[in-house]
Amino acid sequence: MTRVLLTGFAPFDGETVNPSWQAVRAAAAEPPPGIEASAVELPCVYGASVAVLRAAIDETRPEIVLCVGQAGGRPDITVERVALNVDDARIPDATGAEPVDEPVVPGGPAAYFSTLPIKACVEAVRAAGLPASVSNTAGTFVCNHVFYGLAHLIATELTGVRGGFVHVPYAPEQVTDRAQPSLPVDAVARALREITATAARTRTDLRIAGGATH
């Protein structure tokens, strides 16, 4: 069995739900064969989110960590390639903090790449009939903060652990009054199961195009 830790976020920016946590909880409740999954909800808070993540890693001892966040406005499941060492908040976090041009880890590398097979994960989600793509920016809000924090832990402390980040669209109930793309939570949960199963069995990523022109 491969131990996998899945994380999602609490609601933020006035929302009452966060599809990342809804989908993570559903995916962990019915994991793919060969996967032993745990799920934890992270606060949408700089600093505290990484502390909760670290505590969950210490408790569950996963081999793979997949962090998931909401990216309102994106139409598909986006598997993130890179985490940047910068916090630059366009909106406040759940405590009102709005850091500008501050490092996630002072003195840390400018960026880390995901240690999951991002392109194989995208292809697996597409093969399941769901929209997916590689993303080359995780933003500069708490999602990127957690992604970088996880990557730094993997690079400096967590021997044998692989990890990455996935962004998901709004849930349908979040966009009834606005013209924004959405995906049902059960579809997102299916995508996360495909990603965890692919990550568990794949060490060498596919060599296919997944870049962007802008």
C-alpha atoms as a PDB file:
ATOM      1  CA  MET A   1       0.000   0.000   0.000  1.00  0.00           C
ATOM      2  CA  THR A   2       1.154   3.527  -0.824  1.00  0.00           C
ATOM      3  CA  ARG A   3       0.367   6.066   1.872  1.00  0.00           C
ATOM      4  CA  VAL A   4      -0.967   9.321   0.443  1.00  0.00           C
ATOM      5  CA  LEU A   5      -1.814  12.538   2.270  1.00  0.00           C
ATOM      6  CA  LEU A   6      -4.343  14.771   0.530  1.00  0.00           C
ATOM      7  CA  THR A   7      -4.924  18.338   1.672  1.00  0.00           C
ATOM      8  CA  GLY A   8      -7.573  20.906   0.792  1.00  0.00           C
ATOM      9  CA  PHE A   9      -8.354  24.386   2.043  1.00  0.00           C
ATOM     10  CA  ALA A  10     -11.038  25.915   4.210  1.00  0.00           C
ATOM     11  CA  PRO A  11     -13.297  28.491   2.483  1.00  0.00           C
ATOM     12  CA  PHE A  12     -11.828  31.963   1.925  1.00  0.00           C
ATOM     13  CA  ASP A  13     -12.615  35.336   0.370  1.00  0.00           C
ATOM     14  CA  GLY A  14     -16.256  35.266   1.462  1.00  0.00           C
ATOM     15  CA  GLU A  15     -17.049  31.799   0.100  1.00  0.00           C
ATOM     16  CA  THR A  16     -19.000  29.311   2.226  1.00  0.00           C
ATOM     17  CA  VAL A  17     -17.422  26.208   0.655  1.00  0.00           C
ATOM     18  CA  ASN A  18     -14.096  25.276  -0.851  1.00  0.00           C
ATOM     19  CA  PRO A  19     -14.255  22.540  -3.500  1.00  0.00           C
ATOM     20  CA  SER A  20     -10.633  21.586  -2.842  1.00  0.00           C
ATOM     21  CA  TRP A  21     -11.541  20.298   0.628  1.00  0.00           C
ATOM     22  CA  GLN A  22     -14.844  18.795  -0.518  1.00  0.00           C
ATOM     23  CA  ALA A  23     -13.110  16.835  -3.282  1.00  0.00           C
ATOM     24  CA  VAL A  24     -10.119  15.815  -1.147  1.00  0.00           C
ATOM     25  CA  ARG A  25     -12.397  14.453   1.546  1.00  0.00           C
ATOM     26  CA  ALA A  26     -14.383  12.460  -1.021  1.00  0.00           C
ATOM     27  CA  ALA A  27     -11.267  11.142  -2.764  1.00  0.00           C
ATOM     28  CA  ALA A  28      -9.686  10.013   0.502  1.00  0.00           C
ATOM     29  CA  ALA A  29     -12.889   8.255   1.581  1.00  0.00           C
ATOM     30  CA  GLU A  30     -12.764   6.005  -1.510  1.00  0.00           C
ATOM     31  CA  PRO A  31      -9.113   5.789  -2.587  1.00  0.00           C
ATOM     32  CA  PRO A  32      -7.904   3.822  -5.608  1.00  0.00           C
ATOM     33  CA  PRO A  33      -6.737   0.232  -5.085  1.00  0.00           C
ATOM     34  CA  GLY A  34      -3.348   0.095  -3.434  1.00  0.00           C
ATOM     35  CA  ILE A  35      -3.674   3.558  -1.895  1.00  0.00           C
ATOM     36  CA  GLU A  36      -4.081   4.287   1.805  1.00  0.00           C
ATOM     37  CA  ALA A  37      -5.311   7.883   1.908  1.00  0.00           C
ATOM     38  CA  SER A  38      -5.619  10.484   4.634  1.00  0.00           C
ATOM     39  CA  ALA A  39      -7.143  13.951   4.292  1.00  0.00           C
ATOM     40  CA  VAL A  40      -6.597  17.174   6.205  1.00  0.00           C
ATOM     41  CA  GLU A  41      -8.118  20.631   5.832  1.00  0.00           C
ATOM     42  CA  LEU A  42      -5.634  23.508   5.854  1.00  0.00           C
ATOM     43  CA  PRO A  43      -6.502  27.038   6.950  1.00  0.00           C
ATOM     44  CA  CYS A  44      -6.212  29.687   4.246  1.00  0.00           C
ATOM     45  CA  VAL A  45      -3.557  31.426   6.301  1.00  0.00           C
ATOM     46  CA  TYR A  46       0.073  32.198   5.568  1.00  0.00           C
ATOM     47  CA  GLY A  47       2.358  30.326   7.941  1.00  0.00           C
ATOM     48  CA  ALA A  48      -0.319  28.379   9.815  1.00  0.00           C
ATOM     49  CA  SER A  49      -1.220  26.394   6.695  1.00  0.00           C
ATOM     50  CA  VAL A  50       2.296  24.973   6.404  1.00  0.00           C
ATOM     51  CA  ALA A  51       2.373  24.250  10.141  1.00  0.00           C
ATOM     52  CA  VAL A  52      -0.840  22.211   9.881  1.00  0.00           C
ATOM     53  CA  LEU A  53       0.554  20.444   6.804  1.00  0.00           C
ATOM     54  CA  ARG A  54       3.772  19.556   8.628  1.00  0.00           C
ATOM     55  CA  ALA A  55       1.833  18.186  11.603  1.00  0.00           C
ATOM     56  CA  ALA A  56      -0.290  16.024   9.280  1.00  0.00           C
ATOM     57  CA  ILE A  57       2.833  14.693   7.561  1.00  0.00           C
ATOM     58  CA  ASP A  58       4.379  13.838  10.930  1.00  0.00           C
ATOM     59  CA  GLU A  59       1.188  12.037  11.959  1.00  0.00           C
ATOM     60  CA  THR A  60       0.457  10.071   8.767  1.00  0.00           C
ATOM     61  CA  ARG A  61       4.000   9.449   7.416  1.00  0.00           C
ATOM     62  CA  PRO A  62       2.946   9.565   3.761  1.00  0.00           C
ATOM     63  CA  GLU A  63       5.005   8.563   0.760  1.00  0.00           C
ATOM     64  CA  ILE A  64       3.122  11.036  -1.445  1.00  0.00           C
ATOM     65  CA  VAL A  65       1.605  14.397  -0.504  1.00  0.00           C
ATOM     66  CA  LEU A  66      -0.912  15.982  -2.856  1.00  0.00           C
ATOM     67  CA  CYS A  67      -2.056  19.456  -1.855  1.00  0.00           C
ATOM     68  CA  VAL A  68      -5.153  20.843  -3.566  1.00  0.00           C
ATOM     69  CA  GLY A  69      -6.546  24.361  -3.789  1.00  0.00           C
ATOM     70  CA  GLN A  70      -9.289  26.328  -5.510  1.00  0.00           C
ATOM     71  CA  ALA A  71      -8.432  28.419  -8.549  1.00  0.00           C
ATOM     72  CA  GLY A  72     -11.651  30.262  -9.305  1.00  0.00           C
ATOM     73  CA  GLY A  73     -11.917  31.090 -12.998  1.00  0.00           C
ATOM     74  CA  ARG A  74      -9.863  28.161 -14.272  1.00  0.00           C
ATOM     75  CA  PRO A  75     -11.945  25.737 -16.366  1.00  0.00           C
ATOM     76  CA  ASP A  76     -10.048  22.523 -15.700  1.00  0.00           C
ATOM     77  CA  ILE A  77      -7.974  20.470 -13.278  1.00  0.00           C
ATOM     78  CA  THR A  78      -4.518  22.042 -13.344  1.00  0.00           C
ATOM     79  CA  VAL A  79      -1.476  20.137 -12.135  1.00  0.00           C
ATOM     80  CA  GLU A  80       1.131  22.637 -10.978  1.00  0.00           C
ATOM     81  CA  ARG A  81       4.715  22.484 -12.232  1.00  0.00           C
ATOM     82  CA  VAL A  82       6.529  25.012 -10.024  1.00  0.00           C
ATOM     83  CA  ALA A  83       6.340  26.708  -6.614  1.00  0.00           C
ATOM     84  CA  LEU A  84       7.858  30.174  -6.170  1.00  0.00           C
ATOM     85  CA  ASN A  85       9.528  31.503  -3.043  1.00  0.00           C
ATOM     86  CA  VAL A  86       7.312  34.568  -2.784  1.00  0.00           C
ATOM     87  CA  ASP A  87       4.186  35.630  -0.912  1.00  0.00           C
ATOM     88  CA  ASP A  88       2.432  38.510  -2.677  1.00  0.00           C
ATOM     89  CA  ALA A  89      -1.192  38.817  -1.594  1.00  0.00           C
ATOM     90  CA  ARG A  90      -3.757  40.471  -3.858  1.00  0.00           C
ATOM     91  CA  ILE A  91      -6.435  39.650  -1.251  1.00  0.00           C
ATOM     92  CA  PRO A  92      -6.039  39.051   2.497  1.00  0.00           C
ATOM     93  CA  ASP A  93      -5.797  35.572   3.937  1.00  0.00           C
ATOM     94  CA  ALA A  94      -8.320  34.360   6.519  1.00  0.00           C
ATOM     95  CA  THR A  95      -6.619  36.386   9.269  1.00  0.00           C
ATOM     96  CA  GLY A  96      -6.340  39.548   7.203  1.00  0.00           C
ATOM     97  CA  ALA A  97      -2.636  39.159   6.441  1.00  0.00           C
ATOM     98  CA  GLU A  98      -1.493  40.615   3.091  1.00  0.00           C
ATOM     99  CA  PRO A  99       2.245  40.045   2.685  1.00  0.00           C
ATOM    100  CA  VAL A 100       3.846  41.768  -0.304  1.00  0.00           C
ATOM    101  CA  ASP A 101       7.018  40.464  -1.940  1.00  0.00           C
ATOM    102  CA  GLU A 102       8.019  38.404   1.089  1.00  0.00           C
ATOM    103  CA  PRO A 103       9.783  35.027   0.832  1.00  0.00           C
ATOM    104  CA  VAL A 104       7.982  31.871   1.877  1.00  0.00           C
ATOM    105  CA  VAL A 105      11.297  30.611   3.256  1.00  0.00           C
ATOM    106  CA  PRO A 106      13.957  33.311   3.807  1.00  0.00           C
ATOM    107  CA  GLY A 107      17.136  32.215   2.053  1.00  0.00           C
ATOM    108  CA  GLY A 108      15.386  29.372   0.241  1.00  0.00           C
ATOM    109  CA  PRO A 109      15.765  28.680  -3.488  1.00  0.00           C
ATOM    110  CA  ALA A 110      13.820  30.905  -5.871  1.00  0.00           C
ATOM    111  CA  ALA A 111      11.637  27.963  -6.904  1.00  0.00           C
ATOM    112  CA  TYR A 112      11.028  24.229  -6.660  1.00  0.00           C
ATOM    113  CA  PHE A 113       9.600  21.886  -9.260  1.00  0.00           C
ATOM    114  CA  SER A 114       6.922  19.358  -8.357  1.00  0.00           C
ATOM    115  CA  THR A 115       8.312  15.913  -7.642  1.00  0.00           C
ATOM    116  CA  LEU A 116       5.199  14.226  -9.039  1.00  0.00           C
ATOM    117  CA  PRO A 117       4.836  13.096 -12.685  1.00  0.00           C
ATOM    118  CA  ILE A 118       2.758  16.109 -13.670  1.00  0.00           C
ATOM    119  CA  LYS A 119       2.243  15.263 -17.339  1.00  0.00           C
ATOM    120  CA  ALA A 120       1.365  11.643 -16.674  1.00  0.00           C
ATOM    121  CA  CYS A 121      -1.172  12.875 -14.103  1.00  0.00           C
ATOM    122  CA  VAL A 122      -2.729  15.253 -16.639  1.00  0.00           C
ATOM    123  CA  GLU A 123      -2.981  12.467 -19.223  1.00  0.00           C
ATOM    124  CA  ALA A 124      -4.619  10.146 -16.679  1.00  0.00           C
ATOM    125  CA  VAL A 125      -7.277  12.731 -15.840  1.00  0.00           C
ATOM    126  CA  ARG A 126      -7.955  13.340 -19.528  1.00  0.00           C
ATOM    127  CA  ALA A 127      -8.208   9.589 -20.155  1.00  0.00           C
ATOM    128  CA  ALA A 128     -10.909   9.505 -17.460  1.00  0.00           C
ATOM    129  CA  GLY A 129     -12.917  12.007 -19.523  1.00  0.00           C
ATOM    130  CA  LEU A 130     -12.177  15.096 -17.458  1.00  0.00           C
ATOM    131  CA  PRO A 131     -10.436  18.336 -18.523  1.00  0.00           C
ATOM    132  CA  ALA A 132      -6.892  18.809 -17.281  1.00  0.00           C
ATOM    133  CA  SER A 133      -3.682  20.649 -18.106  1.00  0.00           C
ATOM    134  CA  VAL A 134      -0.255  21.511 -16.755  1.00  0.00           C
ATOM    135  CA  SER A 135      -0.115  24.879 -14.994  1.00  0.00           C
ATOM    136  CA  ASN A 136       3.080  26.888 -14.862  1.00  0.00           C
ATOM    137  CA  THR A 137       1.974  29.228 -12.087  1.00  0.00           C
ATOM    138  CA  ALA A 138       0.419  28.420  -8.740  1.00  0.00           C
ATOM    139  CA  GLY A 139      -0.092  32.122  -8.048  1.00  0.00           C
ATOM    140  CA  THR A 140       1.397  33.960  -5.082  1.00  0.00           C
ATOM    141  CA  PHE A 141      -1.373  33.408  -2.529  1.00  0.00           C
ATOM    142  CA  VAL A 142      -1.668  30.710   0.156  1.00  0.00           C
ATOM    143  CA  CYS A 143      -1.801  27.865  -2.404  1.00  0.00           C
ATOM    144  CA  ASN A 144       1.675  28.675  -3.673  1.00  0.00           C
ATOM    145  CA  HIS A 145       2.778  29.273  -0.076  1.00  0.00           C
ATOM    146  CA  VAL A 146       1.763  25.713   0.836  1.00  0.00           C
ATOM    147  CA  PHE A 147       3.217  24.250  -2.363  1.00  0.00           C
ATOM    148  CA  TYR A 148       6.578  25.917  -1.734  1.00  0.00           C
ATOM    149  CA  GLY A 149       6.488  24.988   1.944  1.00  0.00           C
ATOM    150  CA  LEU A 150       5.842  21.354   1.032  1.00  0.00           C
ATOM    151  CA  ALA A 151       8.564  21.350  -1.616  1.00  0.00           C
ATOM    152  CA  HIS A 152      11.061  22.864   0.820  1.00  0.00           C
ATOM    153  CA  LEU A 153      10.262  20.202   3.413  1.00  0.00           C
ATOM    154  CA  ILE A 154      10.732  17.488   0.790  1.00  0.00           C
ATOM    155  CA  ALA A 155      14.051  18.984  -0.323  1.00  0.00           C
ATOM    156  CA  THR A 156      15.469  19.498   3.147  1.00  0.00           C
ATOM    157  CA  GLU A 157      13.824  17.095   5.599  1.00  0.00           C
ATOM    158  CA  LEU A 158      11.450  14.474   4.193  1.00  0.00           C
ATOM    159  CA  THR A 159      13.517  11.641   2.764  1.00  0.00           C
ATOM    160  CA  GLY A 160      11.636   9.484   0.284  1.00  0.00           C
ATOM    161  CA  VAL A 161       8.556  11.698   0.117  1.00  0.00           C
ATOM    162  CA  ARG A 162       7.229  13.038  -3.194  1.00  0.00           C
ATOM    163  CA  GLY A 163       4.677  15.806  -3.515  1.00  0.00           C
ATOM    164  CA  GLY A 164       2.932  18.398  -5.598  1.00  0.00           C
ATOM    165  CA  PHE A 165      -0.047  20.679  -5.964  1.00  0.00           C
ATOM    166  CA  VAL A 166      -3.277  20.658  -7.981  1.00  0.00           C
ATOM    167  CA  HIS A 167      -5.692  23.530  -8.549  1.00  0.00           C
ATOM    168  CA  VAL A 168      -9.383  22.882  -9.140  1.00  0.00           C
ATOM    169  CA  PRO A 169     -12.215  25.077 -10.493  1.00  0.00           C
ATOM    170  CA  TYR A 170     -15.184  26.468  -8.633  1.00  0.00           C
ATOM    171  CA  ALA A 171     -17.966  24.085  -7.613  1.00  0.00           C
ATOM    172  CA  PRO A 172     -21.273  24.726  -9.436  1.00  0.00           C
ATOM    173  CA  GLU A 173     -22.987  26.140  -6.332  1.00  0.00           C
ATOM    174  CA  GLN A 174     -20.360  28.876  -6.158  1.00  0.00           C
ATOM    175  CA  VAL A 175     -21.164  30.332  -9.581  1.00  0.00           C
ATOM    176  CA  THR A 176     -24.956  30.399  -9.788  1.00  0.00           C
ATOM    177  CA  ASP A 177     -24.853  34.196  -9.898  1.00  0.00           C
ATOM    178  CA  ARG A 178     -21.799  34.688 -12.126  1.00  0.00           C
ATOM    179  CA  ALA A 179     -20.525  33.473 -15.466  1.00  0.00           C
ATOM    180  CA  GLN A 180     -17.543  31.394 -14.327  1.00  0.00           C
ATOM    181  CA  PRO A 181     -16.481  27.838 -15.235  1.00  0.00           C
ATOM    182  CA  SER A 182     -17.081  25.089 -12.694  1.00  0.00           C
ATOM    183  CA  LEU A 183     -16.795  21.334 -12.194  1.00  0.00           C
ATOM    184  CA  PRO A 184     -18.899  19.114  -9.913  1.00  0.00           C
ATOM    185  CA  VAL A 185     -17.093  18.063  -6.764  1.00  0.00           C
ATOM    186  CA  ASP A 186     -17.569  14.368  -7.537  1.00  0.00           C
ATOM    187  CA  ALA A 187     -15.822  14.876 -10.887  1.00  0.00           C
ATOM    188  CA  VAL A 188     -12.940  16.647  -9.173  1.00  0.00           C
ATOM    189  CA  ALA A 189     -12.698  13.799  -6.661  1.00  0.00           C
ATOM    190  CA  ARG A 190     -12.468  11.320  -9.545  1.00  0.00           C
ATOM    191  CA  ALA A 191      -9.659  13.381 -11.026  1.00  0.00           C
ATOM    192  CA  LEU A 192      -7.793  13.371  -7.714  1.00  0.00           C
ATOM    193  CA  ARG A 193      -8.096   9.589  -7.519  1.00  0.00           C
ATOM    194  CA  GLU A 194      -6.590   9.323 -10.993  1.00  0.00           C
ATOM    195  CA  ILE A 195      -3.754  11.658  -9.992  1.00  0.00           C
ATOM    196  CA  THR A 196      -2.928   9.791  -6.788  1.00  0.00           C
ATOM    197  CA  ALA A 197      -2.980   6.414  -8.533  1.00  0.00           C
ATOM    198  CA  THR A 198      -0.772   7.720 -11.337  1.00  0.00           C
ATOM    199  CA  ALA A 199       1.672   9.338  -8.932  1.00  0.00           C
ATOM    200  CA  ALA A 200       1.942   6.125  -6.922  1.00  0.00           C
ATOM    201  CA  ARG A 201       2.859   3.960  -9.911  1.00  0.00           C
ATOM    202  CA  THR A 202       4.859   6.464 -11.988  1.00  0.00           C
ATOM    203  CA  ARG A 203       8.412   7.560 -11.279  1.00  0.00           C
ATOM    204  CA  THR A 204       9.431   8.816 -14.726  1.00  0.00           C
ATOM    205  CA  ASP A 205       7.165  11.446 -16.267  1.00  0.00           C
ATOM    206  CA  LEU A 206       5.913  11.445 -19.840  1.00  0.00           C
ATOM    207  CA  ARG A 207       7.954  13.518 -22.274  1.00  0.00           C
ATOM    208  CA  ILE A 208       5.123  15.341 -24.018  1.00  0.00           C
ATOM    209  CA  ALA A 209       4.359  19.010 -24.549  1.00  0.00           C
ATOM    210  CA  GLY A 210       2.779  20.744 -21.593  1.00  0.00           C
ATOM    211  CA  GLY A 211       4.106  24.256 -21.866  1.00  0.00           C
ATOM    212  CA  ALA A 212       2.438  27.586 -22.473  1.00  0.00           C
ATOM    213  CA  THR A 213       3.117  30.561 -24.736  1.00  0.00           C
ATOM    214  CA  HIS A 214       2.088  33.113 -22.125  1.00  0.00           C
END
